[in-house]
ModelCIF file with pLDDT and N, C-alpha, C, O atoms, coordinates in Angstrom:
data_MODEL
#
_entry.id   MODEL 
#
_entity.id                         1 
_entity.type                       polymer 
_entity.pdbx_number_of_molecules   1 
#
_entity_poly.entity_id                      1 
_entity_poly.type                           'polypeptide(L)' 
_entity_poly.nstd_linkage                   no 
_entity_poly.nstd_monomer                   no 
_entity_poly.pdbx_seq_one_letter_code       VKGRFTISSDNAKNTVYLQMNSLKPEDTAVYYCASDLHLYEILSLS 
_entity_poly.pdbx_seq_one_letter_code_can   VKGRFTISSDNAKNTVYLQMNSLKPEDTAVYYCASDLHLYEILSLS 
_entity_poly.pdbx_strand_id                 A 
#
loop_
_entity_poly_seq.entity_id 
_entity_poly_seq.num 
_entity_poly_seq.mon_id 
_entity_poly_seq.hetero 
1 1  VAL n 
1 2  LYS n 
1 3  GLY n 
1 4  ARG n 
1 5  PHE n 
1 6  THR n 
1 7  ILE n 
1 8  SER n 
1 9  SER n 
1 10 ASP n 
1 11 ASN n 
1 12 ALA n 
1 13 LYS n 
1 14 ASN n 
1 15 THR n 
1 16 VAL n 
1 17 TYR n 
1 18 LEU n 
1 19 GLN n 
1 20 MET n 
1 21 ASN n 
1 22 SER n 
1 23 LEU n 
1 24 LYS n 
1 25 PRO n 
1 26 GLU n 
1 27 ASP n 
1 28 THR n 
1 29 ALA n 
1 30 VAL n 
1 31 TYR n 
1 32 TYR n 
1 33 CYS n 
1 34 ALA n 
1 35 SER n 
1 36 ASP n 
1 37 LEU n 
1 38 HIS n 
1 39 LEU n 
1 40 TYR n 
1 41 GLU n 
1 42 ILE n 
1 43 LEU n 
1 44 SER n 
1 45 LEU n 
1 46 SER n 
#
_struct_asym.id          A 
_struct_asym.entity_id   1 
#
loop_
_ma_qa_metric.id 
_ma_qa_metric.mode 
_ma_qa_metric.name 
_ma_qa_metric.software_group_id 
_ma_qa_metric.type 
1 global pLDDT . pLDDT 
2 local  pLDDT . pLDDT 
#
_ma_qa_metric_global.metric_id      1 
_ma_qa_metric_global.metric_value   94.41 
_ma_qa_metric_global.model_id       1 
_ma_qa_metric_global.ordinal_id     1 
#
loop_
_ma_qa_metric_local.label_asym_id 
_ma_qa_metric_local.label_comp_id 
_ma_qa_metric_local.label_seq_id 
_ma_qa_metric_local.metric_id 
_ma_qa_metric_local.metric_value 
_ma_qa_metric_local.model_id 
_ma_qa_metric_local.ordinal_id 
A VAL 1  2 98.00 1 1  
A LYS 2  2 97.00 1 2  
A GLY 3  2 98.00 1 3  
A ARG 4  2 98.00 1 4  
A PHE 5  2 98.00 1 5  
A THR 6  2 98.00 1 6  
A ILE 7  2 97.00 1 7  
A SER 8  2 95.00 1 8  
A SER 9  2 93.00 1 9  
A ASP 10 2 92.00 1 10 
A ASN 11 2 88.00 1 11 
A ALA 12 2 91.00 1 12 
A LYS 13 2 94.00 1 13 
A ASN 14 2 93.00 1 14 
A THR 15 2 95.00 1 15 
A VAL 16 2 96.00 1 16 
A TYR 17 2 97.00 1 17 
A LEU 18 2 98.00 1 18 
A GLN 19 2 98.00 1 19 
A MET 20 2 98.00 1 20 
A ASN 21 2 98.00 1 21 
A SER 22 2 98.00 1 22 
A LEU 23 2 98.00 1 23 
A LYS 24 2 98.00 1 24 
A PRO 25 2 97.00 1 25 
A GLU 26 2 97.00 1 26 
A ASP 27 2 98.00 1 27 
A THR 28 2 98.00 1 28 
A ALA 29 2 98.00 1 29 
A VAL 30 2 98.00 1 30 
A TYR 31 2 98.00 1 31 
A TYR 32 2 97.00 1 32 
A CYS 33 2 97.00 1 33 
A ALA 34 2 97.00 1 34 
A SER 35 2 96.00 1 35 
A ASP 36 2 94.00 1 36 
A LEU 37 2 92.00 1 37 
A HIS 38 2 91.00 1 38 
A LEU 39 2 92.00 1 39 
A TYR 40 2 87.00 1 40 
A GLU 41 2 88.00 1 41 
A ILE 42 2 88.00 1 42 
A LEU 43 2 87.00 1 43 
A SER 44 2 83.00 1 44 
A LEU 45 2 85.00 1 45 
A SER 46 2 81.00 1 46 
#
loop_
_atom_site.group_PDB 
_atom_site.id 
_atom_site.type_symbol 
_atom_site.label_atom_id 
_atom_site.label_alt_id 
_atom_site.label_comp_id 
_atom_site.label_asym_id 
_atom_site.label_entity_id 
_atom_site.label_seq_id 
_atom_site.pdbx_PDB_ins_code 
_atom_site.Cartn_x 
_atom_site.Cartn_y 
_atom_site.Cartn_z 
_atom_site.occupancy 
_atom_site.B_iso_or_equiv 
_atom_site.pdbx_formal_charge 
_atom_site.auth_seq_id 
_atom_site.auth_comp_id 
_atom_site.auth_asym_id 
_atom_site.auth_atom_id 
_atom_site.pdbx_PDB_model_num 
ATOM 1   N N  . VAL A 1 1  ? -33.206 82.711 38.886 1.00 98.00 ? 1  VAL A N  1 
ATOM 2   C CA . VAL A 1 1  ? -32.306 83.290 38.062 1.00 98.00 ? 1  VAL A CA 1 
ATOM 3   C C  . VAL A 1 1  ? -32.622 82.831 36.576 1.00 98.00 ? 1  VAL A C  1 
ATOM 4   O O  . VAL A 1 1  ? -31.994 83.222 35.591 1.00 98.00 ? 1  VAL A O  1 
ATOM 5   N N  . LYS A 1 2  ? -33.620 82.000 36.561 1.00 97.00 ? 2  LYS A N  1 
ATOM 6   C CA . LYS A 1 2  ? -33.839 81.392 35.045 1.00 97.00 ? 2  LYS A CA 1 
ATOM 7   C C  . LYS A 1 2  ? -34.573 82.456 33.886 1.00 97.00 ? 2  LYS A C  1 
ATOM 8   O O  . LYS A 1 2  ? -35.571 83.159 34.044 1.00 97.00 ? 2  LYS A O  1 
ATOM 9   N N  . GLY A 1 3  ? -33.863 82.331 32.896 1.00 98.00 ? 3  GLY A N  1 
ATOM 10  C CA . GLY A 1 3  ? -34.137 83.568 31.801 1.00 98.00 ? 3  GLY A CA 1 
ATOM 11  C C  . GLY A 1 3  ? -33.067 84.457 31.973 1.00 98.00 ? 3  GLY A C  1 
ATOM 12  O O  . GLY A 1 3  ? -32.623 84.911 30.918 1.00 98.00 ? 3  GLY A O  1 
ATOM 13  N N  . ARG A 1 4  ? -32.408 84.916 33.241 1.00 98.00 ? 4  ARG A N  1 
ATOM 14  C CA . ARG A 1 4  ? -31.301 85.739 33.058 1.00 98.00 ? 4  ARG A CA 1 
ATOM 15  C C  . ARG A 1 4  ? -30.101 85.312 33.380 1.00 98.00 ? 4  ARG A C  1 
ATOM 16  O O  . ARG A 1 4  ? -29.275 86.224 33.414 1.00 98.00 ? 4  ARG A O  1 
ATOM 17  N N  . PHE A 1 5  ? -29.668 84.195 33.645 1.00 98.00 ? 5  PHE A N  1 
ATOM 18  C CA . PHE A 1 5  ? -28.084 83.901 33.804 1.00 98.00 ? 5  PHE A CA 1 
ATOM 19  C C  . PHE A 1 5  ? -28.284 82.520 33.001 1.00 98.00 ? 5  PHE A C  1 
ATOM 20  O O  . PHE A 1 5  ? -29.304 81.834 33.064 1.00 98.00 ? 5  PHE A O  1 
ATOM 21  N N  . THR A 1 6  ? -26.987 82.190 32.133 1.00 98.00 ? 6  THR A N  1 
ATOM 22  C CA . THR A 1 6  ? -26.686 81.366 31.548 1.00 98.00 ? 6  THR A CA 1 
ATOM 23  C C  . THR A 1 6  ? -25.516 80.594 31.769 1.00 98.00 ? 6  THR A C  1 
ATOM 24  O O  . THR A 1 6  ? -24.469 81.238 31.721 1.00 98.00 ? 6  THR A O  1 
ATOM 25  N N  . ILE A 1 7  ? -25.399 79.004 32.069 1.00 97.00 ? 7  ILE A N  1 
ATOM 26  C CA . ILE A 1 7  ? -24.313 78.642 32.132 1.00 97.00 ? 7  ILE A CA 1 
ATOM 27  C C  . ILE A 1 7  ? -23.626 77.876 30.986 1.00 97.00 ? 7  ILE A C  1 
ATOM 28  O O  . ILE A 1 7  ? -24.295 77.182 30.221 1.00 97.00 ? 7  ILE A O  1 
ATOM 29  N N  . SER A 1 8  ? -22.340 77.997 30.871 1.00 95.00 ? 8  SER A N  1 
ATOM 30  C CA . SER A 1 8  ? -21.912 77.447 29.785 1.00 95.00 ? 8  SER A CA 1 
ATOM 31  C C  . SER A 1 8  ? -20.359 76.878 30.140 1.00 95.00 ? 8  SER A C  1 
ATOM 32  O O  . SER A 1 8  ? -19.733 77.128 31.170 1.00 95.00 ? 8  SER A O  1 
ATOM 33  N N  . SER A 1 9  ? -19.956 76.131 29.122 1.00 93.00 ? 9  SER A N  1 
ATOM 34  C CA . SER A 1 9  ? -18.399 75.487 29.169 1.00 93.00 ? 9  SER A CA 1 
ATOM 35  C C  . SER A 1 9  ? -17.443 75.315 28.160 1.00 93.00 ? 9  SER A C  1 
ATOM 36  O O  . SER A 1 9  ? -17.794 74.660 27.179 1.00 93.00 ? 9  SER A O  1 
ATOM 37  N N  . ASP A 1 10 ? -16.372 75.743 28.196 1.00 92.00 ? 10 ASP A N  1 
ATOM 38  C CA . ASP A 1 10 ? -15.486 75.655 27.244 1.00 92.00 ? 10 ASP A CA 1 
ATOM 39  C C  . ASP A 1 10 ? -14.210 74.679 27.702 1.00 92.00 ? 10 ASP A C  1 
ATOM 40  O O  . ASP A 1 10 ? -13.208 74.950 28.364 1.00 92.00 ? 10 ASP A O  1 
ATOM 41  N N  . ASN A 1 11 ? -14.689 73.325 27.029 1.00 88.00 ? 11 ASN A N  1 
ATOM 42  C CA . ASN A 1 11 ? -13.781 72.311 27.420 1.00 88.00 ? 11 ASN A CA 1 
ATOM 43  C C  . ASN A 1 11 ? -12.387 72.586 26.993 1.00 88.00 ? 11 ASN A C  1 
ATOM 44  O O  . ASN A 1 11 ? -11.509 72.267 27.795 1.00 88.00 ? 11 ASN A O  1 
ATOM 45  N N  . ALA A 1 12 ? -12.029 73.128 25.856 1.00 91.00 ? 12 ALA A N  1 
ATOM 46  C CA . ALA A 1 12 ? -10.372 73.391 25.416 1.00 91.00 ? 12 ALA A CA 1 
ATOM 47  C C  . ALA A 1 12 ? -9.848  74.208 26.665 1.00 91.00 ? 12 ALA A C  1 
ATOM 48  O O  . ALA A 1 12 ? -8.783  73.908 27.205 1.00 91.00 ? 12 ALA A O  1 
ATOM 49  N N  . LYS A 1 13 ? -10.567 75.155 27.061 1.00 94.00 ? 13 LYS A N  1 
ATOM 50  C CA . LYS A 1 13 ? -9.981  75.876 28.263 1.00 94.00 ? 13 LYS A CA 1 
ATOM 51  C C  . LYS A 1 13 ? -10.387 75.263 29.800 1.00 94.00 ? 13 LYS A C  1 
ATOM 52  O O  . LYS A 1 13 ? -10.187 75.803 30.888 1.00 94.00 ? 13 LYS A O  1 
ATOM 53  N N  . ASN A 1 14 ? -10.900 74.209 29.572 1.00 93.00 ? 14 ASN A N  1 
ATOM 54  C CA . ASN A 1 14 ? -11.714 73.593 31.114 1.00 93.00 ? 14 ASN A CA 1 
ATOM 55  C C  . ASN A 1 14 ? -12.161 74.785 31.990 1.00 93.00 ? 14 ASN A C  1 
ATOM 56  O O  . ASN A 1 14 ? -11.798 74.992 33.148 1.00 93.00 ? 14 ASN A O  1 
ATOM 57  N N  . THR A 1 15 ? -12.784 75.338 31.447 1.00 95.00 ? 15 THR A N  1 
ATOM 58  C CA . THR A 1 15 ? -13.537 76.667 31.933 1.00 95.00 ? 15 THR A CA 1 
ATOM 59  C C  . THR A 1 15 ? -14.809 76.589 32.178 1.00 95.00 ? 15 THR A C  1 
ATOM 60  O O  . THR A 1 15 ? -15.384 75.886 31.349 1.00 95.00 ? 15 THR A O  1 
ATOM 61  N N  . VAL A 1 16 ? -15.534 77.060 33.045 1.00 96.00 ? 16 VAL A N  1 
ATOM 62  C CA . VAL A 1 16 ? -17.036 77.109 33.148 1.00 96.00 ? 16 VAL A CA 1 
ATOM 63  C C  . VAL A 1 16 ? -17.582 78.426 33.281 1.00 96.00 ? 16 VAL A C  1 
ATOM 64  O O  . VAL A 1 16 ? -17.045 79.057 34.192 1.00 96.00 ? 16 VAL A O  1 
ATOM 65  N N  . TYR A 1 17 ? -18.503 79.057 32.645 1.00 97.00 ? 17 TYR A N  1 
ATOM 66  C CA . TYR A 1 17 ? -18.867 80.249 32.557 1.00 97.00 ? 17 TYR A CA 1 
ATOM 67  C C  . TYR A 1 17 ? -20.264 80.456 33.397 1.00 97.00 ? 17 TYR A C  1 
ATOM 68  O O  . TYR A 1 17 ? -20.997 79.505 33.669 1.00 97.00 ? 17 TYR A O  1 
ATOM 69  N N  . LEU A 1 18 ? -20.498 81.584 33.712 1.00 98.00 ? 18 LEU A N  1 
ATOM 70  C CA . LEU A 1 18 ? -21.834 81.761 34.382 1.00 98.00 ? 18 LEU A CA 1 
ATOM 71  C C  . LEU A 1 18 ? -22.105 83.443 33.677 1.00 98.00 ? 18 LEU A C  1 
ATOM 72  O O  . LEU A 1 18 ? -21.653 84.497 34.123 1.00 98.00 ? 18 LEU A O  1 
ATOM 73  N N  . GLN A 1 19 ? -22.883 83.270 32.601 1.00 98.00 ? 19 GLN A N  1 
ATOM 74  C CA . GLN A 1 19 ? -23.354 85.099 32.189 1.00 98.00 ? 19 GLN A CA 1 
ATOM 75  C C  . GLN A 1 19 ? -24.487 85.359 32.758 1.00 98.00 ? 19 GLN A C  1 
ATOM 76  O O  . GLN A 1 19 ? -25.472 84.641 32.586 1.00 98.00 ? 19 GLN A O  1 
ATOM 77  N N  . MET A 1 20 ? -24.490 86.565 33.612 1.00 98.00 ? 20 MET A N  1 
ATOM 78  C CA . MET A 1 20 ? -25.403 86.872 34.572 1.00 98.00 ? 20 MET A CA 1 
ATOM 79  C C  . MET A 1 20 ? -25.901 88.366 33.746 1.00 98.00 ? 20 MET A C  1 
ATOM 80  O O  . MET A 1 20 ? -25.161 89.343 33.632 1.00 98.00 ? 20 MET A O  1 
ATOM 81  N N  . ASN A 1 21 ? -27.271 88.286 33.231 1.00 98.00 ? 21 ASN A N  1 
ATOM 82  C CA . ASN A 1 21 ? -27.786 89.829 32.744 1.00 98.00 ? 21 ASN A CA 1 
ATOM 83  C C  . ASN A 1 21 ? -28.949 90.155 33.401 1.00 98.00 ? 21 ASN A C  1 
ATOM 84  O O  . ASN A 1 21 ? -29.524 89.337 34.119 1.00 98.00 ? 21 ASN A O  1 
ATOM 85  N N  . SER A 1 22 ? -29.387 91.379 33.206 1.00 98.00 ? 22 SER A N  1 
ATOM 86  C CA . SER A 1 22 ? -30.450 91.630 34.077 1.00 98.00 ? 22 SER A CA 1 
ATOM 87  C C  . SER A 1 22 ? -30.475 91.670 35.690 1.00 98.00 ? 22 SER A C  1 
ATOM 88  O O  . SER A 1 22 ? -31.359 91.168 36.385 1.00 98.00 ? 22 SER A O  1 
ATOM 89  N N  . LEU A 1 23 ? -29.359 92.349 36.142 1.00 98.00 ? 23 LEU A N  1 
ATOM 90  C CA . LEU A 1 23 ? -28.979 91.507 37.541 1.00 98.00 ? 23 LEU A CA 1 
ATOM 91  C C  . LEU A 1 23 ? -29.790 92.606 38.166 1.00 98.00 ? 23 LEU A C  1 
ATOM 92  O O  . LEU A 1 23 ? -30.032 93.693 37.640 1.00 98.00 ? 23 LEU A O  1 
ATOM 93  N N  . LYS A 1 24 ? -30.234 92.142 39.507 1.00 98.00 ? 24 LYS A N  1 
ATOM 94  C CA . LYS A 1 24 ? -30.882 92.562 40.441 1.00 98.00 ? 24 LYS A CA 1 
ATOM 95  C C  . LYS A 1 24 ? -30.482 92.927 41.730 1.00 98.00 ? 24 LYS A C  1 
ATOM 96  O O  . LYS A 1 24 ? -29.960 91.962 42.288 1.00 98.00 ? 24 LYS A O  1 
ATOM 97  N N  . PRO A 1 25 ? -30.519 94.113 42.558 1.00 97.00 ? 25 PRO A N  1 
ATOM 98  C CA . PRO A 1 25 ? -29.874 94.035 44.135 1.00 97.00 ? 25 PRO A CA 1 
ATOM 99  C C  . PRO A 1 25 ? -29.868 92.874 44.753 1.00 97.00 ? 25 PRO A C  1 
ATOM 100 O O  . PRO A 1 25 ? -28.973 92.611 45.557 1.00 97.00 ? 25 PRO A O  1 
ATOM 101 N N  . GLU A 1 26 ? -30.866 92.005 44.470 1.00 97.00 ? 26 GLU A N  1 
ATOM 102 C CA . GLU A 1 26 ? -30.922 90.602 45.353 1.00 97.00 ? 26 GLU A CA 1 
ATOM 103 C C  . GLU A 1 26 ? -30.072 89.641 44.683 1.00 97.00 ? 26 GLU A C  1 
ATOM 104 O O  . GLU A 1 26 ? -29.987 88.473 45.063 1.00 97.00 ? 26 GLU A O  1 
ATOM 105 N N  . ASP A 1 27 ? -29.431 90.118 43.675 1.00 98.00 ? 27 ASP A N  1 
ATOM 106 C CA . ASP A 1 27 ? -28.311 88.874 43.394 1.00 98.00 ? 27 ASP A CA 1 
ATOM 107 C C  . ASP A 1 27 ? -26.881 89.231 43.952 1.00 98.00 ? 27 ASP A C  1 
ATOM 108 O O  . ASP A 1 27 ? -25.873 88.578 43.682 1.00 98.00 ? 27 ASP A O  1 
ATOM 109 N N  . THR A 1 28 ? -26.906 90.183 44.642 1.00 98.00 ? 28 THR A N  1 
ATOM 110 C CA . THR A 1 28 ? -25.869 90.595 45.666 1.00 98.00 ? 28 THR A CA 1 
ATOM 111 C C  . THR A 1 28 ? -25.357 89.598 46.304 1.00 98.00 ? 28 THR A C  1 
ATOM 112 O O  . THR A 1 28 ? -26.112 89.266 47.218 1.00 98.00 ? 28 THR A O  1 
ATOM 113 N N  . ALA A 1 29 ? -24.164 88.789 46.231 1.00 98.00 ? 29 ALA A N  1 
ATOM 114 C CA . ALA A 1 29 ? -23.509 87.681 47.144 1.00 98.00 ? 29 ALA A CA 1 
ATOM 115 C C  . ALA A 1 29 ? -22.056 87.454 46.775 1.00 98.00 ? 29 ALA A C  1 
ATOM 116 O O  . ALA A 1 29 ? -21.421 88.099 45.941 1.00 98.00 ? 29 ALA A O  1 
ATOM 117 N N  . VAL A 1 30 ? -21.676 86.572 47.422 1.00 98.00 ? 30 VAL A N  1 
ATOM 118 C CA . VAL A 1 30 ? -20.475 85.867 47.040 1.00 98.00 ? 30 VAL A CA 1 
ATOM 119 C C  . VAL A 1 30 ? -20.809 84.593 46.366 1.00 98.00 ? 30 VAL A C  1 
ATOM 120 O O  . VAL A 1 30 ? -21.565 83.751 46.852 1.00 98.00 ? 30 VAL A O  1 
ATOM 121 N N  . TYR A 1 31 ? -20.120 84.474 45.050 1.00 98.00 ? 31 TYR A N  1 
ATOM 122 C CA . TYR A 1 31 ? -20.314 83.431 44.254 1.00 98.00 ? 31 TYR A CA 1 
ATOM 123 C C  . TYR A 1 31 ? -19.221 82.665 44.202 1.00 98.00 ? 31 TYR A C  1 
ATOM 124 O O  . TYR A 1 31 ? -18.103 83.076 43.890 1.00 98.00 ? 31 TYR A O  1 
ATOM 125 N N  . TYR A 1 32 ? -19.573 81.257 44.578 1.00 97.00 ? 32 TYR A N  1 
ATOM 126 C CA . TYR A 1 32 ? -18.701 80.125 44.571 1.00 97.00 ? 32 TYR A CA 1 
ATOM 127 C C  . TYR A 1 32 ? -18.863 79.094 43.412 1.00 97.00 ? 32 TYR A C  1 
ATOM 128 O O  . TYR A 1 32 ? -19.987 78.776 43.023 1.00 97.00 ? 32 TYR A O  1 
ATOM 129 N N  . CYS A 1 33 ? -17.655 78.545 42.830 1.00 97.00 ? 33 CYS A N  1 
ATOM 130 C CA . CYS A 1 33 ? -17.826 77.655 41.784 1.00 97.00 ? 33 CYS A CA 1 
ATOM 131 C C  . CYS A 1 33 ? -17.711 76.381 42.676 1.00 97.00 ? 33 CYS A C  1 
ATOM 132 O O  . CYS A 1 33 ? -17.192 76.472 43.788 1.00 97.00 ? 33 CYS A O  1 
ATOM 133 N N  . ALA A 1 34 ? -18.185 75.203 42.207 1.00 97.00 ? 34 ALA A N  1 
ATOM 134 C CA . ALA A 1 34 ? -18.038 73.984 42.919 1.00 97.00 ? 34 ALA A CA 1 
ATOM 135 C C  . ALA A 1 34 ? -18.400 72.874 42.026 1.00 97.00 ? 34 ALA A C  1 
ATOM 136 O O  . ALA A 1 34 ? -19.125 72.929 41.033 1.00 97.00 ? 34 ALA A O  1 
ATOM 137 N N  . SER A 1 35 ? -17.614 71.570 42.667 1.00 96.00 ? 35 SER A N  1 
ATOM 138 C CA . SER A 1 35 ? -17.917 70.549 41.500 1.00 96.00 ? 35 SER A CA 1 
ATOM 139 C C  . SER A 1 35 ? -18.231 69.254 42.479 1.00 96.00 ? 35 SER A C  1 
ATOM 140 O O  . SER A 1 35 ? -17.684 69.272 43.582 1.00 96.00 ? 35 SER A O  1 
ATOM 141 N N  . ASP A 1 36 ? -18.877 68.398 42.223 1.00 94.00 ? 36 ASP A N  1 
ATOM 142 C CA . ASP A 1 36 ? -19.142 66.831 42.721 1.00 94.00 ? 36 ASP A CA 1 
ATOM 143 C C  . ASP A 1 36 ? -19.662 66.008 41.593 1.00 94.00 ? 36 ASP A C  1 
ATOM 144 O O  . ASP A 1 36 ? -20.212 66.428 40.575 1.00 94.00 ? 36 ASP A O  1 
ATOM 145 N N  . LEU A 1 37 ? -19.395 64.714 41.938 1.00 92.00 ? 37 LEU A N  1 
ATOM 146 C CA . LEU A 1 37 ? -19.758 63.561 40.832 1.00 92.00 ? 37 LEU A CA 1 
ATOM 147 C C  . LEU A 1 37 ? -21.472 63.965 40.858 1.00 92.00 ? 37 LEU A C  1 
ATOM 148 O O  . LEU A 1 37 ? -22.118 63.965 39.809 1.00 92.00 ? 37 LEU A O  1 
ATOM 149 N N  . HIS A 1 38 ? -22.017 64.258 42.019 1.00 91.00 ? 38 HIS A N  1 
ATOM 150 C CA . HIS A 1 38 ? -23.415 64.013 42.116 1.00 91.00 ? 38 HIS A CA 1 
ATOM 151 C C  . HIS A 1 38 ? -23.818 65.602 41.672 1.00 91.00 ? 38 HIS A C  1 
ATOM 152 O O  . HIS A 1 38 ? -25.003 65.657 41.345 1.00 91.00 ? 38 HIS A O  1 
ATOM 153 N N  . LEU A 1 39 ? -23.347 66.480 41.610 1.00 92.00 ? 39 LEU A N  1 
ATOM 154 C CA . LEU A 1 39 ? -23.719 67.881 41.663 1.00 92.00 ? 39 LEU A CA 1 
ATOM 155 C C  . LEU A 1 39 ? -25.011 68.169 41.140 1.00 92.00 ? 39 LEU A C  1 
ATOM 156 O O  . LEU A 1 39 ? -25.843 68.855 41.734 1.00 92.00 ? 39 LEU A O  1 
ATOM 157 N N  . TYR A 1 40 ? -25.184 67.608 39.950 1.00 87.00 ? 40 TYR A N  1 
ATOM 158 C CA . TYR A 1 40 ? -26.401 67.913 39.146 1.00 87.00 ? 40 TYR A CA 1 
ATOM 159 C C  . TYR A 1 40 ? -27.640 67.534 40.230 1.00 87.00 ? 40 TYR A C  1 
ATOM 160 O O  . TYR A 1 40 ? -28.570 68.282 40.534 1.00 87.00 ? 40 TYR A O  1 
ATOM 161 N N  . GLU A 1 41 ? -27.443 66.417 40.637 1.00 88.00 ? 41 GLU A N  1 
ATOM 162 C CA . GLU A 1 41 ? -28.579 65.641 41.566 1.00 88.00 ? 41 GLU A CA 1 
ATOM 163 C C  . GLU A 1 41 ? -28.392 66.549 42.991 1.00 88.00 ? 41 GLU A C  1 
ATOM 164 O O  . GLU A 1 41 ? -29.237 66.349 43.864 1.00 88.00 ? 41 GLU A O  1 
ATOM 165 N N  . ILE A 1 42 ? -27.616 67.266 43.185 1.00 88.00 ? 42 ILE A N  1 
ATOM 166 C CA . ILE A 1 42 ? -27.597 67.574 44.515 1.00 88.00 ? 42 ILE A CA 1 
ATOM 167 C C  . ILE A 1 42 ? -28.614 69.069 44.102 1.00 88.00 ? 42 ILE A C  1 
ATOM 168 O O  . ILE A 1 42 ? -29.765 69.153 44.531 1.00 88.00 ? 42 ILE A O  1 
ATOM 169 N N  . LEU A 1 43 ? -28.151 69.889 43.453 1.00 87.00 ? 43 LEU A N  1 
ATOM 170 C CA . LEU A 1 43 ? -29.178 70.972 42.968 1.00 87.00 ? 43 LEU A CA 1 
ATOM 171 C C  . LEU A 1 43 ? -30.633 70.838 42.394 1.00 87.00 ? 43 LEU A C  1 
ATOM 172 O O  . LEU A 1 43 ? -31.558 71.537 42.807 1.00 87.00 ? 43 LEU A O  1 
ATOM 173 N N  . SER A 1 44 ? -30.741 70.080 41.609 1.00 83.00 ? 44 SER A N  1 
ATOM 174 C CA . SER A 1 44 ? -32.126 69.906 40.958 1.00 83.00 ? 44 SER A CA 1 
ATOM 175 C C  . SER A 1 44 ? -32.879 69.220 42.019 1.00 83.00 ? 44 SER A C  1 
ATOM 176 O O  . SER A 1 44 ? -34.027 69.619 42.215 1.00 83.00 ? 44 SER A O  1 
ATOM 177 N N  . LEU A 1 45 ? -32.390 68.180 42.789 1.00 85.00 ? 45 LEU A N  1 
ATOM 178 C CA . LEU A 1 45 ? -33.380 67.332 43.534 1.00 85.00 ? 45 LEU A CA 1 
ATOM 179 C C  . LEU A 1 45 ? -33.184 67.967 45.280 1.00 85.00 ? 45 LEU A C  1 
ATOM 180 O O  . LEU A 1 45 ? -33.673 67.468 46.294 1.00 85.00 ? 45 LEU A O  1 
ATOM 181 N N  . SER A 1 46 ? -32.345 69.157 45.177 1.00 81.00 ? 46 SER A N  1 
ATOM 182 C CA . SER A 1 46 ? -32.386 69.576 46.702 1.00 81.00 ? 46 SER A CA 1 
ATOM 183 C C  . SER A 1 46 ? -31.768 68.547 47.565 1.00 81.00 ? 46 SER A C  1 
ATOM 184 O O  . SER A 1 46 ? -31.716 68.713 48.784 1.00 81.00 ? 46 SER A O  1 
#
């Protein structure tokens, strides 16, 4: 998704966004929001 999706946050609204552009059929899925104190490490380090 790199180059097509952009994640951002609005702290005033306590909301996280995922802007998805140039969508492809293979992007079809159920999308889940998730949180964890170590979430960045979970994703970046598999």
